[in-house]
PDB file of N, CA and C in Angstrom:
ATOM      1  N   UNK A   1       0.853  -1.169   0.000  1.00  0.00           N
ATOM      2  CA  UNK A   1       0.000   0.000   0.000  1.00  0.00           C
ATOM      3  C   UNK A   1       0.898   1.232   0.000  1.00  0.00           C
ATOM      4  N   UNK A   2       0.534   2.202  -0.818  1.00  0.00           N
ATOM      5  CA  UNK A   2       1.320   3.424  -0.946  1.00  0.00           C
ATOM      6  C   UNK A   2       0.662   4.541  -0.146  1.00  0.00           C
ATOM      7  N   UNK A   3       1.444   5.251   0.657  1.00  0.00           N
ATOM      8  CA  UNK A   3       0.910   6.342   1.464  1.00  0.00           C
ATOM      9  C   UNK A   3       1.322   7.704   0.924  1.00  0.00           C
ATOM     10  N   UNK A   4       1.832   7.733  -0.307  1.00  0.00           N
ATOM     11  CA  UNK A   4       2.223   8.988  -0.938  1.00  0.00           C
ATOM     12  C   UNK A   4       0.962   9.810  -1.232  1.00  0.00           C
ATOM     13  N   UNK A   5       0.983  11.136  -0.994  1.00  0.00           N
ATOM     14  CA  UNK A   5      -0.203  11.947  -1.288  1.00  0.00           C
ATOM     15  C   UNK A   5      -0.505  11.927  -2.787  1.00  0.00           C
ATOM     16  N   UNK A   6      -1.778  11.947  -3.149  1.00  0.00           N
ATOM     17  CA  UNK A   6      -2.139  11.884  -4.571  1.00  0.00           C
ATOM     18  C   UNK A   6      -1.764  13.160  -5.307  1.00  0.00           C
ATOM     19  N   UNK A   7      -1.565  13.032  -6.618  1.00  0.00           N
ATOM     20  CA  UNK A   7      -1.324  14.201  -7.453  1.00  0.00           C
ATOM     21  C   UNK A   7      -2.645  14.925  -7.634  1.00  0.00           C
ATOM     22  N   UNK A   8      -2.613  16.221  -7.553  1.00  0.00           N
ATOM     23  CA  UNK A   8      -3.843  16.983  -7.701  1.00  0.00           C
ATOM     24  C   UNK A   8      -3.843  17.729  -9.025  1.00  0.00           C
ATOM     25  N   UNK A   9      -5.030  18.054  -9.497  1.00  0.00           N
ATOM     26  CA  UNK A   9      -5.147  18.808 -10.733  1.00  0.00           C
ATOM     27  C   UNK A   9      -5.182  20.291 -10.405  1.00  0.00           C
ATOM     28  N   UNK A  10      -4.909  21.118 -11.397  1.00  0.00           N
ATOM     29  CA  UNK A  10      -4.900  22.554 -11.182  1.00  0.00           C
ATOM     30  C   UNK A  10      -6.262  23.172 -11.448  1.00  0.00           C
ATOM     31  N   UNK A  11      -7.173  22.416 -11.969  1.00  0.00           N
ATOM     32  CA  UNK A  11      -8.496  22.936 -12.276  1.00  0.00           C
ATOM     33  C   UNK A  11      -9.298  21.911 -13.030  1.00  0.00           C
ATOM     34  N   UNK A  12     -10.483  22.286 -13.490  1.00  0.00           N
ATOM     35  CA  UNK A  12     -11.288  21.324 -14.234  1.00  0.00           C
ATOM     36  C   UNK A  12     -10.592  20.900 -15.521  1.00  0.00           C
ATOM     37  N   UNK A  13     -10.767  19.648 -15.874  1.00  0.00           N
ATOM     38  CA  UNK A  13     -10.161  19.083 -17.066  1.00  0.00           C
ATOM     39  C   UNK A  13     -11.286  18.678 -18.012  1.00  0.00           C
ATOM     40  N   UNK A  14     -11.133  18.917 -19.314  1.00  0.00           N
ATOM     41  CA  UNK A  14     -12.132  18.535 -20.298  1.00  0.00           C
ATOM     42  C   UNK A  14     -11.726  17.230 -20.959  1.00  0.00           C
ATOM     43  N   UNK A  15     -12.693  16.330 -21.118  1.00  0.00           N
ATOM     44  CA  UNK A  15     -12.441  15.070 -21.801  1.00  0.00           C
ATOM     45  C   UNK A  15     -12.350  15.338 -23.299  1.00  0.00           C
ATOM     46  N   UNK A  16     -11.301  14.832 -23.977  1.00  0.00           N
ATOM     47  CA  UNK A  16     -11.185  15.078 -25.412  1.00  0.00           C
ATOM     48  C   UNK A  16     -12.221  14.312 -26.234  1.00  0.00           C
ATOM     49  N   UNK A  17     -12.804  13.253 -25.683  1.00  0.00           N
ATOM     50  CA  UNK A  17     -13.781  12.449 -26.417  1.00  0.00           C
ATOM     51  C   UNK A  17     -15.203  12.982 -26.264  1.00  0.00           C
ATOM     52  N   UNK A  18     -15.676  13.085 -25.015  1.00  0.00           N
ATOM     53  CA  UNK A  18     -17.078  13.488 -24.801  1.00  0.00           C
ATOM     54  C   UNK A  18     -17.223  14.974 -24.488  1.00  0.00           C
ATOM     55  N   UNK A  19     -16.131  15.668 -24.125  1.00  0.00           N
ATOM     56  CA  UNK A  19     -16.179  17.101 -23.870  1.00  0.00           C
ATOM     57  C   UNK A  19     -16.707  17.483 -22.502  1.00  0.00           C
ATOM     58  N   UNK A  20     -16.974  16.518 -21.639  1.00  0.00           N
ATOM     59  CA  UNK A  20     -17.493  16.834 -20.308  1.00  0.00           C
ATOM     60  C   UNK A  20     -16.370  17.313 -19.399  1.00  0.00           C
ATOM     61  N   UNK A  21     -16.747  18.167 -18.438  1.00  0.00           N
ATOM     62  CA  UNK A  21     -15.788  18.730 -17.484  1.00  0.00           C
ATOM     63  C   UNK A  21     -15.582  17.734 -16.348  1.00  0.00           C
ATOM     64  N   UNK A  22     -14.315  17.434 -16.065  1.00  0.00           N
ATOM     65  CA  UNK A  22     -13.961  16.495 -15.006  1.00  0.00           C
ATOM     66  C   UNK A  22     -13.292  17.276 -13.893  1.00  0.00           C
ATOM     67  N   UNK A  23     -13.878  17.249 -12.705  1.00  0.00           N
ATOM     68  CA  UNK A  23     -13.325  17.943 -11.549  1.00  0.00           C
ATOM     69  C   UNK A  23     -12.922  16.888 -10.528  1.00  0.00           C
ATOM     70  N   UNK A  24     -11.646  16.825 -10.214  1.00  0.00           N
ATOM     71  CA  UNK A  24     -11.163  15.880  -9.210  1.00  0.00           C
ATOM     72  C   UNK A  24     -10.134  16.583  -8.336  1.00  0.00           C
ATOM     73  N   UNK A  25     -10.552  17.104  -7.191  1.00  0.00           N
ATOM     74  CA  UNK A  25      -9.629  17.869  -6.352  1.00  0.00           C
ATOM     75  C   UNK A  25      -8.563  17.029  -5.656  1.00  0.00           C
ATOM     76  N   UNK A  26      -8.773  15.705  -5.545  1.00  0.00           N
ATOM     77  CA  UNK A  26      -7.843  14.892  -4.772  1.00  0.00           C
ATOM     78  C   UNK A  26      -6.878  14.062  -5.608  1.00  0.00           C
ATOM     79  N   UNK A  27      -7.137  13.876  -6.905  1.00  0.00           N
ATOM     80  CA  UNK A  27      -6.241  13.087  -7.737  1.00  0.00           C
ATOM     81  C   UNK A  27      -6.388  13.496  -9.203  1.00  0.00           C
ATOM     82  N   UNK A  28      -5.408  13.119 -10.007  1.00  0.00           N
ATOM     83  CA  UNK A  28      -5.445  13.405 -11.435  1.00  0.00           C
ATOM     84  C   UNK A  28      -5.931  12.149 -12.155  1.00  0.00           C
ATOM     85  N   UNK A  29      -7.131  12.180 -12.749  1.00  0.00           N
ATOM     86  CA  UNK A  29      -7.661  10.966 -13.377  1.00  0.00           C
ATOM     87  C   UNK A  29      -6.904  10.607 -14.651  1.00  0.00           C
ATOM     88  N   UNK A  30      -6.883   9.313 -14.959  1.00  0.00           N
ATOM     89  CA  UNK A  30      -6.231   8.799 -16.149  1.00  0.00           C
ATOM     90  C   UNK A  30      -7.281   8.443 -17.202  1.00  0.00           C
ATOM     91  N   UNK A  31      -8.488   8.089 -16.733  1.00  0.00           N
ATOM     92  CA  UNK A  31      -9.586   7.686 -17.605  1.00  0.00           C
ATOM     93  C   UNK A  31     -10.793   8.563 -17.293  1.00  0.00           C
ATOM     94  N   UNK A  32     -11.541   8.970 -18.330  1.00  0.00           N
ATOM     95  CA  UNK A  32     -12.755   9.773 -18.148  1.00  0.00           C
ATOM     96  C   UNK A  32     -13.803   8.933 -17.410  1.00  0.00           C
ATOM     97  N   UNK A  33     -14.392   9.453 -16.320  1.00  0.00           N
ATOM     98  CA  UNK A  33     -15.398   8.683 -15.591  1.00  0.00           C
ATOM     99  C   UNK A  33     -16.721   8.551 -16.355  1.00  0.00           C
ATOM    100  N   UNK A  34     -16.923   9.353 -17.397  1.00  0.00           N
ATOM    101  CA  UNK A  34     -18.185   9.328 -18.139  1.00  0.00           C
ATOM    102  C   UNK A  34     -18.128   8.381 -19.334  1.00  0.00           C
ATOM    103  N   UNK A  35     -17.119   8.543 -20.205  1.00  0.00           N
ATOM    104  CA  UNK A  35     -17.056   7.736 -21.429  1.00  0.00           C
ATOM    105  C   UNK A  35     -15.919   6.714 -21.403  1.00  0.00           C
ATOM    106  N   UNK A  36     -15.128   6.683 -20.353  1.00  0.00           N
ATOM    107  CA  UNK A  36     -14.020   5.743 -20.159  1.00  0.00           C
ATOM    108  C   UNK A  36     -12.899   5.906 -21.187  1.00  0.00           C
ATOM    109  N   UNK A  37     -12.803   7.068 -21.825  1.00  0.00           N
ATOM    110  CA  UNK A  37     -11.719   7.340 -22.767  1.00  0.00           C
ATOM    111  C   UNK A  37     -10.453   7.697 -21.990  1.00  0.00           C
ATOM    112  N   UNK A  38      -9.298   7.383 -22.560  1.00  0.00           N
ATOM    113  CA  UNK A  38      -8.024   7.693 -21.920  1.00  0.00           C
ATOM    114  C   UNK A  38      -7.781   9.196 -22.002  1.00  0.00           C
ATOM    115  N   UNK A  39      -7.394   9.811 -20.890  1.00  0.00           N
ATOM    116  CA  UNK A  39      -7.130  11.242 -20.828  1.00  0.00           C
ATOM    117  C   UNK A  39      -5.654  11.516 -21.090  1.00  0.00           C
ATOM    118  N   UNK A  40      -5.339  12.659 -21.724  1.00  0.00           N
ATOM    119  CA  UNK A  40      -3.922  12.984 -21.956  1.00  0.00           C
ATOM    120  C   UNK A  40      -3.219  13.263 -20.641  1.00  0.00           C
ATOM    121  N   UNK A  41      -1.950  12.858 -20.570  1.00  0.00           N
ATOM    122  CA  UNK A  41      -1.200  13.046 -19.334  1.00  0.00           C
ATOM    123  C   UNK A  41      -0.600  14.430 -19.239  1.00  0.00           C
ATOM    124  N   UNK A  42      -0.207  15.012 -20.353  1.00  0.00           N
ATOM    125  CA  UNK A  42       0.378  16.351 -20.379  1.00  0.00           C
ATOM    126  C   UNK A  42      -0.602  17.305 -21.047  1.00  0.00           C
ATOM    127  N   UNK A  43      -0.677  18.557 -20.574  1.00  0.00           N
ATOM    128  CA  UNK A  43      -1.528  19.510 -21.284  1.00  0.00           C
ATOM    129  C   UNK A  43      -0.947  19.783 -22.671  1.00  0.00           C
ATOM    130  N   UNK A  44      -1.808  19.966 -23.683  1.00  0.00           N
ATOM    131  CA  UNK A  44      -1.289  20.217 -25.021  1.00  0.00           C
ATOM    132  C   UNK A  44      -0.524  21.536 -25.081  1.00  0.00           C
ATOM    133  N   UNK A  45       0.539  21.551 -25.868  1.00  0.00           N
ATOM    134  CA  UNK A  45       1.346  22.759 -26.010  1.00  0.00           C
ATOM    135  C   UNK A  45       0.581  23.788 -26.831  1.00  0.00           C
ATOM    136  N   UNK A  46       0.809  25.041 -26.541  1.00  0.00           N
ATOM    137  CA  UNK A  46       0.140  26.110 -27.281  1.00  0.00           C
ATOM    138  C   UNK A  46       0.678  26.153 -28.706  1.00  0.00           C
ATOM    139  N   UNK A  47      -0.224  26.338 -29.640  1.00  0.00           N
ATOM    140  CA  UNK A  47       0.160  26.424 -31.047  1.00  0.00           C
ATOM    141  C   UNK A  47       0.897  27.741 -31.279  1.00  0.00           C
ATOM    142  N   UNK A  48       1.748  27.809 -32.334  1.00  0.00           N
ATOM    143  CA  UNK A  48       2.404  29.079 -32.624  1.00  0.00           C
ATOM    144  C   UNK A  48       1.348  30.135 -32.946  1.00  0.00           C
ATOM    145  N   UNK A  49       1.523  31.320 -32.433  1.00  0.00           N
ATOM    146  CA  UNK A  49       0.537  32.377 -32.644  1.00  0.00           C
ATOM    147  C   UNK A  49      -0.634  32.248 -31.698  1.00  0.00           C
ATOM    148  N   UNK A  50      -0.448  31.559 -30.577  1.00  0.00           N
ATOM    149  CA  UNK A  50      -1.514  31.388 -29.596  1.00  0.00           C
ATOM    150  C   UNK A  50      -0.994  31.767 -28.221  1.00  0.00           C
ATOM    151  N   UNK A  51      -1.917  32.087 -27.324  1.00  0.00           N
ATOM    152  CA  UNK A  51      -1.540  32.379 -25.944  1.00  0.00           C
ATOM    153  C   UNK A  51      -2.355  31.483 -25.020  1.00  0.00           C
ATOM    154  N   UNK A  52      -1.787  31.160 -23.895  1.00  0.00           N
ATOM    155  CA  UNK A  52      -2.419  30.283 -22.933  1.00  0.00           C
ATOM    156  C   UNK A  52      -3.132  31.130 -21.893  1.00  0.00           C
ATOM    157  N   UNK A  53      -4.372  30.756 -21.574  1.00  0.00           N
ATOM    158  CA  UNK A  53      -5.166  31.485 -20.580  1.00  0.00           C
ATOM    159  C   UNK A  53      -4.522  31.337 -19.202  1.00  0.00           C
ATOM    160  N   UNK A  54      -4.356  32.433 -18.442  1.00  0.00           N
ATOM    161  CA  UNK A  54      -3.741  32.334 -17.124  1.00  0.00           C
ATOM    162  C   UNK A  54      -4.636  31.654 -16.093  1.00  0.00           C
ATOM    163  N   UNK A  55      -5.948  31.577 -16.350  1.00  0.00           N
ATOM    164  CA  UNK A  55      -6.858  30.968 -15.383  1.00  0.00           C
ATOM    165  C   UNK A  55      -7.059  29.478 -15.622  1.00  0.00           C
ATOM    166  N   UNK A  56      -7.390  29.089 -16.877  1.00  0.00           N
ATOM    167  CA  UNK A  56      -7.731  27.686 -17.132  1.00  0.00           C
ATOM    168  C   UNK A  56      -6.676  26.938 -17.933  1.00  0.00           C
ATOM    169  N   UNK A  57      -5.724  27.638 -18.576  1.00  0.00           N
ATOM    170  CA  UNK A  57      -4.665  26.984 -19.325  1.00  0.00           C
ATOM    171  C   UNK A  57      -5.031  26.615 -20.749  1.00  0.00           C
ATOM    172  N   UNK A  58      -6.192  27.033 -21.235  1.00  0.00           N
ATOM    173  CA  UNK A  58      -6.620  26.714 -22.597  1.00  0.00           C
ATOM    174  C   UNK A  58      -5.881  27.608 -23.593  1.00  0.00           C
ATOM    175  N   UNK A  59      -5.529  27.037 -24.741  1.00  0.00           N
ATOM    176  CA  UNK A  59      -4.840  27.783 -25.784  1.00  0.00           C
ATOM    177  C   UNK A  59      -5.858  28.594 -26.583  1.00  0.00           C
ATOM    178  N   UNK A  60      -5.595  29.885 -26.750  1.00  0.00           N
ATOM    179  CA  UNK A  60      -6.478  30.793 -27.483  1.00  0.00           C
ATOM    180  C   UNK A  60      -5.663  31.518 -28.549  1.00  0.00           C
ATOM    181  N   UNK A  61      -6.311  31.932 -29.669  1.00  0.00           N
ATOM    182  CA  UNK A  61      -5.581  32.716 -30.660  1.00  0.00           C
ATOM    183  C   UNK A  61      -5.167  34.064 -30.085  1.00  0.00           C
ATOM    184  N   UNK A  62      -4.115  34.645 -30.631  1.00  0.00           N
ATOM    185  CA  UNK A  62      -3.603  35.923 -30.123  1.00  0.00           C
ATOM    186  C   UNK A  62      -4.625  37.051 -30.264  1.00  0.00           C
ATOM    187  N   UNK A  63      -5.568  36.910 -31.188  1.00  0.00           N
ATOM    188  CA  UNK A  63      -6.562  37.955 -31.406  1.00  0.00           C
ATOM    189  C   UNK A  63      -7.775  37.805 -30.497  1.00  0.00           C
ATOM    190  N   UNK A  64      -7.805  36.796 -29.635  1.00  0.00           N
ATOM    191  CA  UNK A  64      -8.967  36.548 -28.780  1.00  0.00           C
ATOM    192  C   UNK A  64      -9.113  37.648 -27.736  1.00  0.00           C
ATOM    193  N   UNK A  65     -10.346  38.104 -27.548  1.00  0.00           N
ATOM    194  CA  UNK A  65     -10.655  39.090 -26.513  1.00  0.00           C
ATOM    195  C   UNK A  65     -11.150  38.404 -25.245  1.00  0.00           C
ATOM    196  N   UNK A  66     -11.707  37.177 -25.403  1.00  0.00           N
ATOM    197  CA  UNK A  66     -12.251  36.409 -24.281  1.00  0.00           C
ATOM    198  C   UNK A  66     -11.793  34.961 -24.439  1.00  0.00           C
ATOM    199  N   UNK A  67     -11.429  34.305 -23.332  1.00  0.00           N
ATOM    200  CA  UNK A  67     -11.008  32.910 -23.365  1.00  0.00           C
ATOM    201  C   UNK A  67     -12.188  32.018 -23.738  1.00  0.00           C
ATOM    202  N   UNK A  68     -11.963  31.068 -24.628  1.00  0.00           N
ATOM    203  CA  UNK A  68     -13.032  30.161 -25.035  1.00  0.00           C
ATOM    204  C   UNK A  68     -13.279  29.071 -23.997  1.00  0.00           C
ATOM    205  N   UNK A  69     -12.389  28.928 -23.018  1.00  0.00           N
ATOM    206  CA  UNK A  69     -12.550  27.903 -21.992  1.00  0.00           C
ATOM    207  C   UNK A  69     -13.270  28.388 -20.749  1.00  0.00           C
ATOM    208  N   UNK A  70     -12.840  29.537 -20.204  1.00  0.00           N
ATOM    209  CA  UNK A  70     -13.395  29.996 -18.928  1.00  0.00           C
ATOM    210  C   UNK A  70     -14.033  31.376 -19.005  1.00  0.00           C
ATOM    211  N   UNK A  71     -13.853  32.093 -20.114  1.00  0.00           N
ATOM    212  CA  UNK A  71     -14.459  33.411 -20.254  1.00  0.00           C
ATOM    213  C   UNK A  71     -13.632  34.544 -19.689  1.00  0.00           C
ATOM    214  N   UNK A  72     -12.353  34.291 -19.396  1.00  0.00           N
ATOM    215  CA  UNK A  72     -11.484  35.359 -18.895  1.00  0.00           C
ATOM    216  C   UNK A  72     -11.352  36.441 -19.964  1.00  0.00           C
ATOM    217  N   UNK A  73     -11.313  37.694 -19.549  1.00  0.00           N
ATOM    218  CA  UNK A  73     -11.270  38.805 -20.491  1.00  0.00           C
ATOM    219  C   UNK A  73      -9.838  39.176 -20.846  1.00  0.00           C
ATOM    220  N   UNK A  74      -9.709  40.082 -21.809  1.00  0.00           N
ATOM    221  CA  UNK A  74      -8.400  40.548 -22.246  1.00  0.00           C
ATOM    222  C   UNK A  74      -7.648  41.210 -21.087  1.00  0.00           C
ATOM    223  N   UNK A  75      -8.371  41.861 -20.182  1.00  0.00           N
ATOM    224  CA  UNK A  75      -7.730  42.498 -19.027  1.00  0.00           C
ATOM    225  C   UNK A  75      -7.055  41.451 -18.136  1.00  0.00           C
ATOM    226  N   UNK A  76      -7.677  40.265 -18.002  1.00  0.00           N
ATOM    227  CA  UNK A  76      -7.069  39.199 -17.203  1.00  0.00           C
ATOM    228  C   UNK A  76      -5.777  38.708 -17.851  1.00  0.00           C
ATOM    229  N   UNK A  77      -5.760  38.622 -19.215  1.00  0.00           N
ATOM    230  CA  UNK A  77      -4.555  38.211 -19.920  1.00  0.00           C
ATOM    231  C   UNK A  77      -3.431  39.207 -19.677  1.00  0.00           C
ATOM    232  N   UNK A  78      -3.753  40.510 -19.784  1.00  0.00           N
ATOM    233  CA  UNK A  78      -2.737  41.549 -19.629  1.00  0.00           C
ATOM    234  C   UNK A  78      -2.238  41.615 -18.187  1.00  0.00           C
ATOM    235  N   UNK A  79      -3.149  41.411 -17.227  1.00  0.00           N
ATOM    236  CA  UNK A  79      -2.757  41.447 -15.811  1.00  0.00           C
ATOM    237  C   UNK A  79      -1.788  40.309 -15.504  1.00  0.00           C
ATOM    238  N   UNK A  80      -2.030  39.138 -16.075  1.00  0.00           N
ATOM    239  CA  UNK A  80      -1.151  37.993 -15.838  1.00  0.00           C
ATOM    240  C   UNK A  80       0.188  38.174 -16.544  1.00  0.00           C
ATOM    241  N   UNK A  81       0.192  38.874 -17.686  1.00  0.00           N
ATOM    242  CA  UNK A  81       1.425  39.073 -18.442  1.00  0.00           C
ATOM    243  C   UNK A  81       2.292  40.186 -17.864  1.00  0.00           C
ATOM    244  N   UNK A  82       1.686  41.130 -17.118  1.00  0.00           N
ATOM    245  CA  UNK A  82       2.442  42.255 -16.558  1.00  0.00           C
ATOM    246  C   UNK A  82       3.350  41.772 -15.427  1.00  0.00           C
ATOM    247  N   UNK A  83       4.572  42.256 -15.377  1.00  0.00           N
ATOM    248  CA  UNK A  83       5.462  41.853 -14.287  1.00  0.00           C
ATOM    249  C   UNK A  83       4.975  42.436 -12.955  1.00  0.00           C
ATOM    250  N   UNK A  84       5.101  41.661 -11.925  1.00  0.00           N
ATOM    251  CA  UNK A  84       4.681  42.099 -10.592  1.00  0.00           C
ATOM    252  C   UNK A  84       5.809  42.892  -9.951  1.00  0.00           C
ATOM    253  N   UNK A  85       5.538  44.156  -9.629  1.00  0.00           N
ATOM    254  CA  UNK A  85       6.534  45.011  -9.019  1.00  0.00           C
ATOM    255  C   UNK A  85       6.136  45.276  -7.567  1.00  0.00           C
ATOM    256  N   UNK A  86       7.079  45.181  -6.652  1.00  0.00           N
ATOM    257  CA  UNK A  86       6.746  45.458  -5.257  1.00  0.00           C
ATOM    258  C   UNK A  86       6.493  46.948  -5.060  1.00  0.00           C
ATOM    259  N   UNK A  87       5.545  47.277  -4.219  1.00  0.00           N
ATOM    260  CA  UNK A  87       5.236  48.677  -3.919  1.00  0.00           C
ATOM    261  C   UNK A  87       6.140  49.206  -2.823  1.00  0.00           C
ATOM    262  N   UNK A  88       6.008  50.480  -2.535  1.00  0.00           N
ATOM    263  CA  UNK A  88       6.790  51.091  -1.471  1.00  0.00           C
ATOM    264  C   UNK A  88       6.272  50.585  -0.124  1.00  0.00           C
ATOM    265  N   UNK A  89       7.147  50.355   0.823  1.00  0.00           N
ATOM    266  CA  UNK A  89       6.683  49.883   2.133  1.00  0.00           C
ATOM    267  C   UNK A  89       5.895  50.979   2.849  1.00  0.00           C
ATOM    268  N   UNK A  90       4.891  50.564   3.565  1.00  0.00           N
ATOM    269  CA  UNK A  90       4.075  51.515   4.316  1.00  0.00           C
ATOM    270  C   UNK A  90       4.684  51.683   5.702  1.00  0.00           C
ATOM    271  N   UNK A  91       4.739  52.934   6.153  1.00  0.00           N
ATOM    272  CA  UNK A  91       5.326  53.225   7.461  1.00  0.00           C
ATOM    273  C   UNK A  91       4.188  53.507   8.439  1.00  0.00           C
ATOM    274  N   UNK A  92       3.962  52.642   9.399  1.00  0.00           N
ATOM    275  CA  UNK A  92       2.840  52.834  10.319  1.00  0.00           C
ATOM    276  C   UNK A  92       3.016  54.010  11.275  1.00  0.00           C
ATOM    277  N   UNK A  93       4.225  54.387  11.599  1.00  0.00           N
ATOM    278  CA  UNK A  93       4.437  55.458  12.578  1.00  0.00           C
ATOM    279  C   UNK A  93       4.858  56.777  11.968  1.00  0.00           C
ATOM    280  N   UNK A  94       4.537  57.009  10.698  1.00  0.00           N
ATOM    281  CA  UNK A  94       4.962  58.243  10.038  1.00  0.00           C
ATOM    282  C   UNK A  94       4.211  59.438  10.621  1.00  0.00           C
ATOM    283  N   UNK A  95       4.900  60.564  10.862  1.00  0.00           N
ATOM    284  CA  UNK A  95       4.214  61.742  11.426  1.00  0.00           C
ATOM    285  C   UNK A  95       3.302  62.397  10.387  1.00  0.00           C
ATOM    286  N   UNK A  96       2.286  63.110  10.876  1.00  0.00           N
ATOM    287  CA  UNK A  96       1.366  63.827   9.998  1.00  0.00           C
ATOM    288  C   UNK A  96       2.042  65.103   9.512  1.00  0.00           C
ATOM    289  N   UNK A  97       1.658  65.589   8.320  1.00  0.00           N
ATOM    290  CA  UNK A  97       2.253  66.850   7.854  1.00  0.00           C
ATOM    291  C   UNK A  97       1.807  68.018   8.735  1.00  0.00           C
ATOM    292  N   UNK A  98       2.630  69.061   8.868  1.00  0.00           N
ATOM    293  CA  UNK A  98       2.275  70.192   9.725  1.00  0.00           C
ATOM    294  C   UNK A  98       1.054  70.941   9.180  1.00  0.00           C
ATOM    295  N   UNK A  99       0.233  71.429  10.053  1.00  0.00           N
ATOM    296  CA  UNK A  99      -0.949  72.192   9.627  1.00  0.00           C
ATOM    297  C   UNK A  99      -0.599  73.672   9.506  1.00  0.00           C
ATOM    298  N   UNK A 100      -1.467  74.419   8.851  1.00  0.00           N
ATOM    299  CA  UNK A 100      -1.238  75.858   8.669  1.00  0.00           C
ATOM    300  C   UNK A 100      -1.406  76.571  10.031  1.00  0.00           C
ATOM    301  N   UNK A 101      -0.602  77.611  10.300  1.00  0.00           N
ATOM    302  CA  UNK A 101      -0.725  78.302  11.574  1.00  0.00           C
ATOM    303  C   UNK A 101      -2.056  79.076  11.648  1.00  0.00           C
ATOM    304  N   UNK A 102      -2.627  79.099  12.808  1.00  0.00           N
ATOM    305  CA  UNK A 102      -3.887  79.840  12.991  1.00  0.00           C
ATOM    306  C   UNK A 102      -3.591  81.249  13.519  1.00  0.00           C
ATOM    307  N   UNK A 103      -4.385  82.207  13.140  1.00  0.00           N
ATOM    308  CA  UNK A 103      -4.180  83.601  13.574  1.00  0.00           C
ATOM    309  C   UNK A 103      -5.102  84.012  14.655  1.00  0.00           C
TER     310      UNK A 103
END
């Protein structure tokens, strides 16, 4: 008996034969539970001139405004493609600016 933790999936997987969505949070299935077709072990590589959705991993044409798999918008694509830059640290004990003198 093996006590190794199961491999988990990163999200819903679509069956290439029947097209049904397979959700398995605890393990990565090898066979479709609906049509018993063999599932691919590796996600398909993106075709040249295509971009991969940051949410679901589906390959979309470069001209796509919305993902055909999950409906992510162009803004989601750009947000995922933008480099993450750290912001300035916040200082909790910073003094308040001086107020104007009263007469």
